[in-house]
Amino acid sequence: LGRAAPVADVRREGSLHDPFGDITVVGEDGTEVTIGVRPFR
């Protein structure tokens, strides 16, 4: 996740109720890092 710091945006991919969904963190330089919602939490 450190590659996306400092952060410009955070997106949840898919349903709020999907425990296996993904989180995408977008850095100010445009770098996007996608990680599972559970390990992110």
All heavy atoms as atom14 arrays in JSON, in Angstrom:
{
  "sequence": "LGRAAPVADVRREGSLHDPFGDITVVGEDGTEVTIGVRPFR",
  "atom14_mask": [
    [1, 1, 1, 1, 1, 1, 1, 1, 0, 0, 0, 0, 0, 0],
    [1, 1, 1, 1, 0, 0, 0, 0, 0, 0, 0, 0, 0, 0],
    [1, 1, 1, 1, 1, 1, 1, 1, 1, 1, 1, 0, 0, 0],
    [1, 1, 1, 1, 1, 0, 0, 0, 0, 0, 0, 0, 0, 0],
    [1, 1, 1, 1, 1, 0, 0, 0, 0, 0, 0, 0, 0, 0],
    [1, 1, 1, 1, 1, 1, 1, 0, 0, 0, 0, 0, 0, 0],
    [1, 1, 1, 1, 1, 1, 1, 0, 0, 0, 0, 0, 0, 0],
    [1, 1, 1, 1, 1, 0, 0, 0, 0, 0, 0, 0, 0, 0],
    [1, 1, 1, 1, 1, 1, 1, 1, 0, 0, 0, 0, 0, 0],
    [1, 1, 1, 1, 1, 1, 1, 0, 0, 0, 0, 0, 0, 0],
    [1, 1, 1, 1, 1, 1, 1, 1, 1, 1, 1, 0, 0, 0],
    [1, 1, 1, 1, 1, 1, 1, 1, 1, 1, 1, 0, 0, 0],
    [1, 1, 1, 1, 1, 1, 1, 1, 1, 0, 0, 0, 0, 0],
    [1, 1, 1, 1, 0, 0, 0, 0, 0, 0, 0, 0, 0, 0],
    [1, 1, 1, 1, 1, 1, 0, 0, 0, 0, 0, 0, 0, 0],
    [1, 1, 1, 1, 1, 1, 1, 1, 0, 0, 0, 0, 0, 0],
    [1, 1, 1, 1, 1, 1, 1, 1, 1, 1, 0, 0, 0, 0],
    [1, 1, 1, 1, 1, 1, 1, 1, 0, 0, 0, 0, 0, 0],
    [1, 1, 1, 1, 1, 1, 1, 0, 0, 0, 0, 0, 0, 0],
    [1, 1, 1, 1, 1, 1, 1, 1, 1, 1, 1, 0, 0, 0],
    [1, 1, 1, 1, 0, 0, 0, 0, 0, 0, 0, 0, 0, 0],
    [1, 1, 1, 1, 1, 1, 1, 1, 0, 0, 0, 0, 0, 0],
    [1, 1, 1, 1, 1, 1, 1, 1, 0, 0, 0, 0, 0, 0],
    [1, 1, 1, 1, 1, 1, 1, 0, 0, 0, 0, 0, 0, 0],
    [1, 1, 1, 1, 1, 1, 1, 0, 0, 0, 0, 0, 0, 0],
    [1, 1, 1, 1, 1, 1, 1, 0, 0, 0, 0, 0, 0, 0],
    [1, 1, 1, 1, 0, 0, 0, 0, 0, 0, 0, 0, 0, 0],
    [1, 1, 1, 1, 1, 1, 1, 1, 1, 0, 0, 0, 0, 0],
    [1, 1, 1, 1, 1, 1, 1, 1, 0, 0, 0, 0, 0, 0],
    [1, 1, 1, 1, 0, 0, 0, 0, 0, 0, 0, 0, 0, 0],
    [1, 1, 1, 1, 1, 1, 1, 0, 0, 0, 0, 0, 0, 0],
    [1, 1, 1, 1, 1, 1, 1, 1, 1, 0, 0, 0, 0, 0],
    [1, 1, 1, 1, 1, 1, 1, 0, 0, 0, 0, 0, 0, 0],
    [1, 1, 1, 1, 1, 1, 1, 0, 0, 0, 0, 0, 0, 0],
    [1, 1, 1, 1, 1, 1, 1, 1, 0, 0, 0, 0, 0, 0],
    [1, 1, 1, 1, 0, 0, 0, 0, 0, 0, 0, 0, 0, 0],
    [1, 1, 1, 1, 1, 1, 1, 0, 0, 0, 0, 0, 0, 0],
    [1, 1, 1, 1, 1, 1, 1, 1, 1, 1, 1, 0, 0, 0],
    [1, 1, 1, 1, 1, 1, 1, 0, 0, 0, 0, 0, 0, 0],
    [1, 1, 1, 1, 1, 1, 1, 1, 1, 1, 1, 0, 0, 0],
    [1, 1, 1, 1, 1, 1, 1, 1, 1, 1, 1, 0, 0, 0]
  ],
  "atom14_positions": [
    [[0.81, -1.21, 0.0], [0.0, 0.0, 0.0], [0.85, 1.27, 0.0], [0.41, 2.31, -0.5], [-0.92, 0.01, 1.23], [-2.1, -0.98, 1.2], [-2.77, -1.04, 2.57], [-3.1, -0.58, 0.13], [0.0, 0.0, 0.0], [0.0, 0.0, 0.0], [0.0, 0.0, 0.0], [0.0, 0.0, 0.0], [0.0, 0.0, 0.0], [0.0, 0.0, 0.0]],
    [[2.05, 1.18, 0.53], [2.91, 2.36, 0.63], [3.21, 3.0, -0.71], [3.53, 4.2, -0.76], [0.0, 0.0, 0.0], [0.0, 0.0, 0.0], [0.0, 0.0, 0.0], [0.0, 0.0, 0.0], [0.0, 0.0, 0.0], [0.0, 0.0, 0.0], [0.0, 0.0, 0.0], [0.0, 0.0, 0.0], [0.0, 0.0, 0.0], [0.0, 0.0, 0.0]],
    [[3.08, 2.25, -1.81], [3.35, 2.81, -3.14], [2.31, 3.85, -3.53], [2.54, 4.64, -4.45], [3.39, 1.69, -4.18], [4.56, 0.73, -3.97], [4.74, -0.25, -5.1], [3.72, -1.29, -5.11], [2.77, -1.4, -6.02], [2.68, -0.51, -7.0], [1.89, -2.39, -5.97], [0.0, 0.0, 0.0], [0.0, 0.0, 0.0], [0.0, 0.0, 0.0]],
    [[1.15, 3.84, -2.83], [0.08, 4.79, -3.17], [0.04, 5.97, -2.2], [-0.95, 6.71, -2.18], [-1.26, 4.07, -3.17], [0.0, 0.0, 0.0], [0.0, 0.0, 0.0], [0.0, 0.0, 0.0], [0.0, 0.0, 0.0], [0.0, 0.0, 0.0], [0.0, 0.0, 0.0], [0.0, 0.0, 0.0], [0.0, 0.0, 0.0], [0.0, 0.0, 0.0]],
    [[1.06, 6.15, -1.41], [1.09, 7.29, -0.48], [1.98, 8.4, -1.06], [3.03, 8.12, -1.65], [1.63, 6.85, 0.87], [0.0, 0.0, 0.0], [0.0, 0.0, 0.0], [0.0, 0.0, 0.0], [0.0, 0.0, 0.0], [0.0, 0.0, 0.0], [0.0, 0.0, 0.0], [0.0, 0.0, 0.0], [0.0, 0.0, 0.0], [0.0, 0.0, 0.0]],
    [[1.56, 9.66, -0.9], [0.31, 10.14, -0.3], [-0.9, 9.79, -1.15], [-0.81, 9.63, -2.37], [0.52, 11.64, -0.2], [1.53, 11.96, -1.24], [2.44, 10.78, -1.35], [0.0, 0.0, 0.0], [0.0, 0.0, 0.0], [0.0, 0.0, 0.0], [0.0, 0.0, 0.0], [0.0, 0.0, 0.0], [0.0, 0.0, 0.0], [0.0, 0.0, 0.0]],
    [[-2.06, 9.69, -0.49], [-3.27, 9.14, -1.1], [-4.13, 10.24, -1.7], [-4.36, 11.28, -1.07], [-4.07, 8.35, -0.04], [-5.4, 7.87, -0.61], [-3.25, 7.18, 0.48], [0.0, 0.0, 0.0], [0.0, 0.0, 0.0], [0.0, 0.0, 0.0], [0.0, 0.0, 0.0], [0.0, 0.0, 0.0], [0.0, 0.0, 0.0], [0.0, 0.0, 0.0]],
    [[-4.63, 9.97, -2.9], [-5.58, 10.89, -3.55], [-7.02, 10.41, -3.41], [-7.94, 11.21, -3.27], [-5.23, 11.05, -5.02], [0.0, 0.0, 0.0], [0.0, 0.0, 0.0], [0.0, 0.0, 0.0], [0.0, 0.0, 0.0], [0.0, 0.0, 0.0], [0.0, 0.0, 0.0], [0.0, 0.0, 0.0], [0.0, 0.0, 0.0], [0.0, 0.0, 0.0]],
    [[-7.21, 9.06, -3.44], [-8.58, 8.54, -3.4], [-8.54, 7.09, -2.92], [-7.51, 6.41, -3.0], [-9.21, 8.61, -4.79], [-10.72, 8.41, -4.75], [-11.31, 8.5, -3.65], [-11.32, 8.13, -5.82], [0.0, 0.0, 0.0], [0.0, 0.0, 0.0], [0.0, 0.0, 0.0], [0.0, 0.0, 0.0], [0.0, 0.0, 0.0], [0.0, 0.0, 0.0]],
    [[-9.7, 6.63, -2.43], [-9.88, 5.23, -2.02], [-11.22, 4.77, -2.58], [-12.24, 5.44, -2.38], [-9.86, 5.07, -0.49], [-10.04, 3.6, -0.11], [-8.58, 5.61, 0.11], [0.0, 0.0, 0.0], [0.0, 0.0, 0.0], [0.0, 0.0, 0.0], [0.0, 0.0, 0.0], [0.0, 0.0, 0.0], [0.0, 0.0, 0.0], [0.0, 0.0, 0.0]],
    [[-11.21, 3.64, -3.29], [-12.45, 3.11, -3.89], [-12.71, 1.7, -3.38], [-11.78, 0.89, -3.29], [-12.36, 3.07, -5.41], [-12.14, 4.38, -6.11], [-12.42, 4.21, -7.6], [-11.68, 3.11, -8.2], [-10.49, 3.24, -8.8], [-9.9, 4.44, -8.86], [-9.89, 2.2, -9.33], [0.0, 0.0, 0.0], [0.0, 0.0, 0.0], [0.0, 0.0, 0.0]],
    [[-13.98, 1.43, -3.11], [-14.37, 0.05, -2.83], [-14.88, -0.55, -4.11], [-15.78, 0.0, -4.77], [-15.45, -0.01, -1.75], [-15.82, -1.46, -1.45], [-16.78, -1.63, -0.3], [-16.9, -3.05, 0.0], [-16.66, -3.62, 1.16], [-16.26, -2.87, 2.18], [-16.81, -4.92, 1.34], [0.0, 0.0, 0.0], [0.0, 0.0, 0.0], [0.0, 0.0, 0.0]],
    [[-14.32, -1.69, -4.49], [-14.72, -2.36, -5.73], [-15.79, -3.4, -5.39], [-15.55, -4.33, -4.62], [-13.51, -3.06, -6.37], [-12.26, -2.2, -6.5], [-12.41, -1.08, -7.52], [-13.44, -1.05, -8.23], [-11.5, -0.25, -7.61], [0.0, 0.0, 0.0], [0.0, 0.0, 0.0], [0.0, 0.0, 0.0], [0.0, 0.0, 0.0], [0.0, 0.0, 0.0]],
    [[-16.98, -3.25, -5.9], [-18.05, -4.21, -5.65], [-18.93, -3.82, -4.49], [-18.9, -2.69, -3.99], [0.0, 0.0, 0.0], [0.0, 0.0, 0.0], [0.0, 0.0, 0.0], [0.0, 0.0, 0.0], [0.0, 0.0, 0.0], [0.0, 0.0, 0.0], [0.0, 0.0, 0.0], [0.0, 0.0, 0.0], [0.0, 0.0, 0.0], [0.0, 0.0, 0.0]],
    [[-19.74, -4.78, -4.04], [-20.77, -4.53, -3.04], [-20.19, -4.3, -1.65], [-19.18, -4.91, -1.26], [-21.74, -5.73, -2.99], [-22.59, -5.65, -1.87], [0.0, 0.0, 0.0], [0.0, 0.0, 0.0], [0.0, 0.0, 0.0], [0.0, 0.0, 0.0], [0.0, 0.0, 0.0], [0.0, 0.0, 0.0], [0.0, 0.0, 0.0], [0.0, 0.0, 0.0]],
    [[-20.87, -3.47, -0.92], [-20.54, -3.26, 0.49], [-20.59, -4.57, 1.27], [-19.84, -4.74, 2.24], [-21.56, -2.27, 1.07], [-21.63, -2.11, 2.59], [-20.44, -1.32, 3.09], [-22.93, -1.42, 2.99], [0.0, 0.0, 0.0], [0.0, 0.0, 0.0], [0.0, 0.0, 0.0], [0.0, 0.0, 0.0], [0.0, 0.0, 0.0], [0.0, 0.0, 0.0]],
    [[-21.44, -5.49, 0.86], [-21.65, -6.73, 1.61], [-20.72, -7.86, 1.17], [-20.81, -8.96, 1.71], [-23.1, -7.19, 1.46], [-24.09, -6.23, 2.03], [-24.29, -6.08, 3.39], [-24.93, -5.34, 1.43], [-25.22, -5.16, 3.6], [-25.62, -4.69, 2.43], [0.0, 0.0, 0.0], [0.0, 0.0, 0.0], [0.0, 0.0, 0.0], [0.0, 0.0, 0.0]],
    [[-19.84, -7.62, 0.22], [-18.96, -8.68, -0.28], [-17.7, -8.75, 0.59], [-16.85, -7.88, 0.53], [-18.57, -8.4, -1.73], [-17.73, -9.53, -2.33], [-17.45, -10.51, -1.6], [-17.37, -9.43, -3.51], [0.0, 0.0, 0.0], [0.0, 0.0, 0.0], [0.0, 0.0, 0.0], [0.0, 0.0, 0.0], [0.0, 0.0, 0.0], [0.0, 0.0, 0.0]],
    [[-17.57, -9.8, 1.44], [-16.4, -9.88, 2.31], [-15.11, -10.17, 1.56], [-14.02, -10.05, 2.13], [-16.76, -11.03, 3.26], [-17.7, -11.9, 2.47], [-18.48, -10.96, 1.61], [0.0, 0.0, 0.0], [0.0, 0.0, 0.0], [0.0, 0.0, 0.0], [0.0, 0.0, 0.0], [0.0, 0.0, 0.0], [0.0, 0.0, 0.0], [0.0, 0.0, 0.0]],
    [[-15.22, -10.53, 0.28], [-14.03, -10.81, -0.52], [-13.82, -9.76, -1.6], [-13.11, -9.99, -2.59], [-14.13, -12.21, -1.13], [-14.18, -13.31, -0.1], [-15.38, -13.88, 0.25], [-13.03, -13.71, 0.56], [-15.44, -14.86, 1.22], [-13.08, -14.7, 1.53], [-14.3, -15.28, 1.86], [0.0, 0.0, 0.0], [0.0, 0.0, 0.0], [0.0, 0.0, 0.0]],
    [[-14.48, -8.6, -1.41], [-14.29, -7.51, -2.35], [-12.89, -6.91, -2.23], [-12.06, -7.33, -1.43], [0.0, 0.0, 0.0], [0.0, 0.0, 0.0], [0.0, 0.0, 0.0], [0.0, 0.0, 0.0], [0.0, 0.0, 0.0], [0.0, 0.0, 0.0], [0.0, 0.0, 0.0], [0.0, 0.0, 0.0], [0.0, 0.0, 0.0], [0.0, 0.0, 0.0]],
    [[-12.63, -5.91, -3.04], [-11.31, -5.28, -3.08], [-11.42, -3.8, -2.72], [-12.48, -3.17, -2.85], [-10.69, -5.39, -4.47], [-10.26, -6.81, -4.79], [-9.87, -7.54, -3.85], [-10.33, -7.2, -5.98], [0.0, 0.0, 0.0], [0.0, 0.0, 0.0], [0.0, 0.0, 0.0], [0.0, 0.0, 0.0], [0.0, 0.0, 0.0], [0.0, 0.0, 0.0]],
    [[-10.3, -3.25, -2.28], [-10.13, -1.83, -2.05], [-9.01, -1.34, -2.96], [-7.93, -1.94, -2.99], [-9.77, -1.53, -0.58], [-10.93, -1.89, 0.34], [-9.38, -0.07, -0.4], [-12.13, -0.99, 0.24], [0.0, 0.0, 0.0], [0.0, 0.0, 0.0], [0.0, 0.0, 0.0], [0.0, 0.0, 0.0], [0.0, 0.0, 0.0], [0.0, 0.0, 0.0]],
    [[-9.27, -0.28, -3.69], [-8.23, 0.33, -4.53], [-7.84, 1.67, -3.93], [-8.69, 2.53, -3.71], [-8.71, 0.52, -5.97], [-8.99, -0.76, -6.56], [-7.65, 1.23, -6.81], [0.0, 0.0, 0.0], [0.0, 0.0, 0.0], [0.0, 0.0, 0.0], [0.0, 0.0, 0.0], [0.0, 0.0, 0.0], [0.0, 0.0, 0.0], [0.0, 0.0, 0.0]],
    [[-6.55, 1.8, -3.64], [-6.0, 3.05, -3.12], [-5.25, 3.73, -4.25], [-4.37, 3.13, -4.88], [-5.07, 2.81, -1.92], [-4.54, 4.13, -1.37], [-5.8, 2.02, -0.84], [0.0, 0.0, 0.0], [0.0, 0.0, 0.0], [0.0, 0.0, 0.0], [0.0, 0.0, 0.0], [0.0, 0.0, 0.0], [0.0, 0.0, 0.0], [0.0, 0.0, 0.0]],
    [[-5.62, 4.98, -4.53], [-5.02, 5.74, -5.63], [-4.09, 6.8, -5.04], [-4.51, 7.61, -4.2], [-6.11, 6.4, -6.49], [-5.46, 7.15, -7.66], [-7.12, 5.37, -6.98], [0.0, 0.0, 0.0], [0.0, 0.0, 0.0], [0.0, 0.0, 0.0], [0.0, 0.0, 0.0], [0.0, 0.0, 0.0], [0.0, 0.0, 0.0], [0.0, 0.0, 0.0]],
    [[-2.84, 6.79, -5.48], [-1.88, 7.78, -5.01], [-2.0, 9.1, -5.78], [-2.58, 9.16, -6.87], [0.0, 0.0, 0.0], [0.0, 0.0, 0.0], [0.0, 0.0, 0.0], [0.0, 0.0, 0.0], [0.0, 0.0, 0.0], [0.0, 0.0, 0.0], [0.0, 0.0, 0.0], [0.0, 0.0, 0.0], [0.0, 0.0, 0.0], [0.0, 0.0, 0.0]],
    [[-1.43, 10.14, -5.2], [-1.46, 11.46, -5.85], [-0.71, 11.45, -7.18], [-0.97, 12.28, -8.06], [-0.88, 12.51, -4.91], [-1.77, 12.81, -3.72], [-1.21, 13.9, -2.82], [-0.06, 14.33, -3.08], [-1.9, 14.31, -1.87], [0.0, 0.0, 0.0], [0.0, 0.0, 0.0], [0.0, 0.0, 0.0], [0.0, 0.0, 0.0], [0.0, 0.0, 0.0]],
    [[0.22, 10.5, -7.36], [0.95, 10.41, -8.62], [0.25, 9.49, -9.62], [0.79, 9.19, -10.69], [2.38, 9.93, -8.38], [2.43, 8.53, -7.77], [1.35, 7.94, -7.52], [3.54, 8.01, -7.55], [0.0, 0.0, 0.0], [0.0, 0.0, 0.0], [0.0, 0.0, 0.0], [0.0, 0.0, 0.0], [0.0, 0.0, 0.0], [0.0, 0.0, 0.0]],
    [[-0.96, 9.03, -9.27], [-1.72, 8.18, -10.17], [-1.53, 6.69, -9.94], [-2.22, 5.88, -10.55], [0.0, 0.0, 0.0], [0.0, 0.0, 0.0], [0.0, 0.0, 0.0], [0.0, 0.0, 0.0], [0.0, 0.0, 0.0], [0.0, 0.0, 0.0], [0.0, 0.0, 0.0], [0.0, 0.0, 0.0], [0.0, 0.0, 0.0], [0.0, 0.0, 0.0]],
    [[-0.6, 6.3, -9.04], [-0.39, 4.88, -8.75], [-1.64, 4.29, -8.11], [-2.22, 4.87, -7.19], [0.8, 4.7, -7.79], [1.97, 5.23, -8.4], [1.02, 3.23, -7.45], [0.0, 0.0, 0.0], [0.0, 0.0, 0.0], [0.0, 0.0, 0.0], [0.0, 0.0, 0.0], [0.0, 0.0, 0.0], [0.0, 0.0, 0.0], [0.0, 0.0, 0.0]],
    [[-2.05, 3.11, -8.59], [-3.19, 2.42, -8.01], [-2.75, 1.08, -7.42], [-2.06, 0.3, -8.08], [-4.28, 2.18, -9.07], [-4.92, 3.46, -9.57], [-6.17, 3.19, -10.41], [-6.54, 1.99, -10.54], [-6.78, 4.16, -10.89], [0.0, 0.0, 0.0], [0.0, 0.0, 0.0], [0.0, 0.0, 0.0], [0.0, 0.0, 0.0], [0.0, 0.0, 0.0]],
    [[-3.14, 0.84, -6.2], [-2.84, -0.42, -5.51], [-4.16, -1.04, -5.08], [-4.95, -0.39, -4.39], [-1.93, -0.21, -4.29], [-1.72, -1.53, -3.55], [-0.6, 0.4, -4.7], [0.0, 0.0, 0.0], [0.0, 0.0, 0.0], [0.0, 0.0, 0.0], [0.0, 0.0, 0.0], [0.0, 0.0, 0.0], [0.0, 0.0, 0.0], [0.0, 0.0, 0.0]],
    [[-4.4, -2.27, -5.51], [-5.64, -2.96, -5.16], [-5.32, -4.11, -4.22], [-4.39, -4.9, -4.46], [-6.34, -3.5, -6.41], [-6.67, -2.4, -7.28], [-7.63, -4.23, -6.05], [0.0, 0.0, 0.0], [0.0, 0.0, 0.0], [0.0, 0.0, 0.0], [0.0, 0.0, 0.0], [0.0, 0.0, 0.0], [0.0, 0.0, 0.0], [0.0, 0.0, 0.0]],
    [[-6.11, -4.21, -3.14], [-5.89, -5.22, -2.11], [-7.24, -5.68, -1.61], [-8.23, -4.94, -1.67], [-5.03, -4.62, -0.96], [-4.68, -5.68, 0.09], [-5.73, -3.45, -0.3], [-3.73, -5.19, 1.17], [0.0, 0.0, 0.0], [0.0, 0.0, 0.0], [0.0, 0.0, 0.0], [0.0, 0.0, 0.0], [0.0, 0.0, 0.0], [0.0, 0.0, 0.0]],
    [[-7.31, -6.91, -1.12], [-8.56, -7.43, -0.59], [-9.04, -6.6, 0.6], [-8.25, -6.09, 1.39], [0.0, 0.0, 0.0], [0.0, 0.0, 0.0], [0.0, 0.0, 0.0], [0.0, 0.0, 0.0], [0.0, 0.0, 0.0], [0.0, 0.0, 0.0], [0.0, 0.0, 0.0], [0.0, 0.0, 0.0], [0.0, 0.0, 0.0], [0.0, 0.0, 0.0]],
    [[-10.37, -6.5, 0.74], [-10.92, -5.66, 1.79], [-10.55, -6.17, 3.18], [-10.32, -5.39, 4.11], [-12.46, -5.53, 1.63], [-13.16, -6.86, 1.83], [-13.01, -4.47, 2.58], [0.0, 0.0, 0.0], [0.0, 0.0, 0.0], [0.0, 0.0, 0.0], [0.0, 0.0, 0.0], [0.0, 0.0, 0.0], [0.0, 0.0, 0.0], [0.0, 0.0, 0.0]],
    [[-10.46, -7.49, 3.35], [-10.1, -8.03, 4.65], [-8.67, -7.68, 5.05], [-8.44, -7.16, 6.15], [-10.32, -9.55, 4.68], [-11.78, -9.94, 4.87], [-11.91, -11.45, 4.99], [-13.25, -11.84, 5.42], [-13.63, -13.1, 5.58], [-12.78, -14.09, 5.34], [-14.87, -13.38, 5.96], [0.0, 0.0, 0.0], [0.0, 0.0, 0.0], [0.0, 0.0, 0.0]],
    [[-7.65, -7.99, 4.21], [-6.3, -7.59, 4.6], [-6.14, -6.08, 4.73], [-5.36, -5.6, 5.56], [-5.4, -8.16, 3.5], [-6.31, -8.5, 2.37], [-7.63, -8.81, 2.97], [0.0, 0.0, 0.0], [0.0, 0.0, 0.0], [0.0, 0.0, 0.0], [0.0, 0.0, 0.0], [0.0, 0.0, 0.0], [0.0, 0.0, 0.0], [0.0, 0.0, 0.0]],
    [[-6.9, -5.31, 3.94], [-6.85, -3.85, 4.07], [-7.35, -3.43, 5.46], [-6.72, -2.62, 6.14], [-7.7, -3.2, 2.98], [-7.81, -1.7, 3.1], [-6.83, -0.88, 2.59], [-8.9, -1.12, 3.75], [-6.92, 0.5, 2.72], [-9.0, 0.25, 3.89], [-8.01, 1.06, 3.37], [0.0, 0.0, 0.0], [0.0, 0.0, 0.0], [0.0, 0.0, 0.0]],
    [[-8.49, -3.99, 5.87], [-9.06, -3.65, 7.18], [-8.1, -4.04, 8.3], [-7.87, -3.26, 9.25], [-10.39, -4.36, 7.38], [-11.02, -4.12, 8.75], [-12.32, -4.86, 8.91], [-12.15, -6.28, 9.09], [-11.97, -6.88, 10.27], [-11.91, -6.15, 11.37], [-11.85, -8.18, 10.34], [0.0, 0.0, 0.0], [0.0, 0.0, 0.0], [0.0, 0.0, 0.0]]
  ]
}
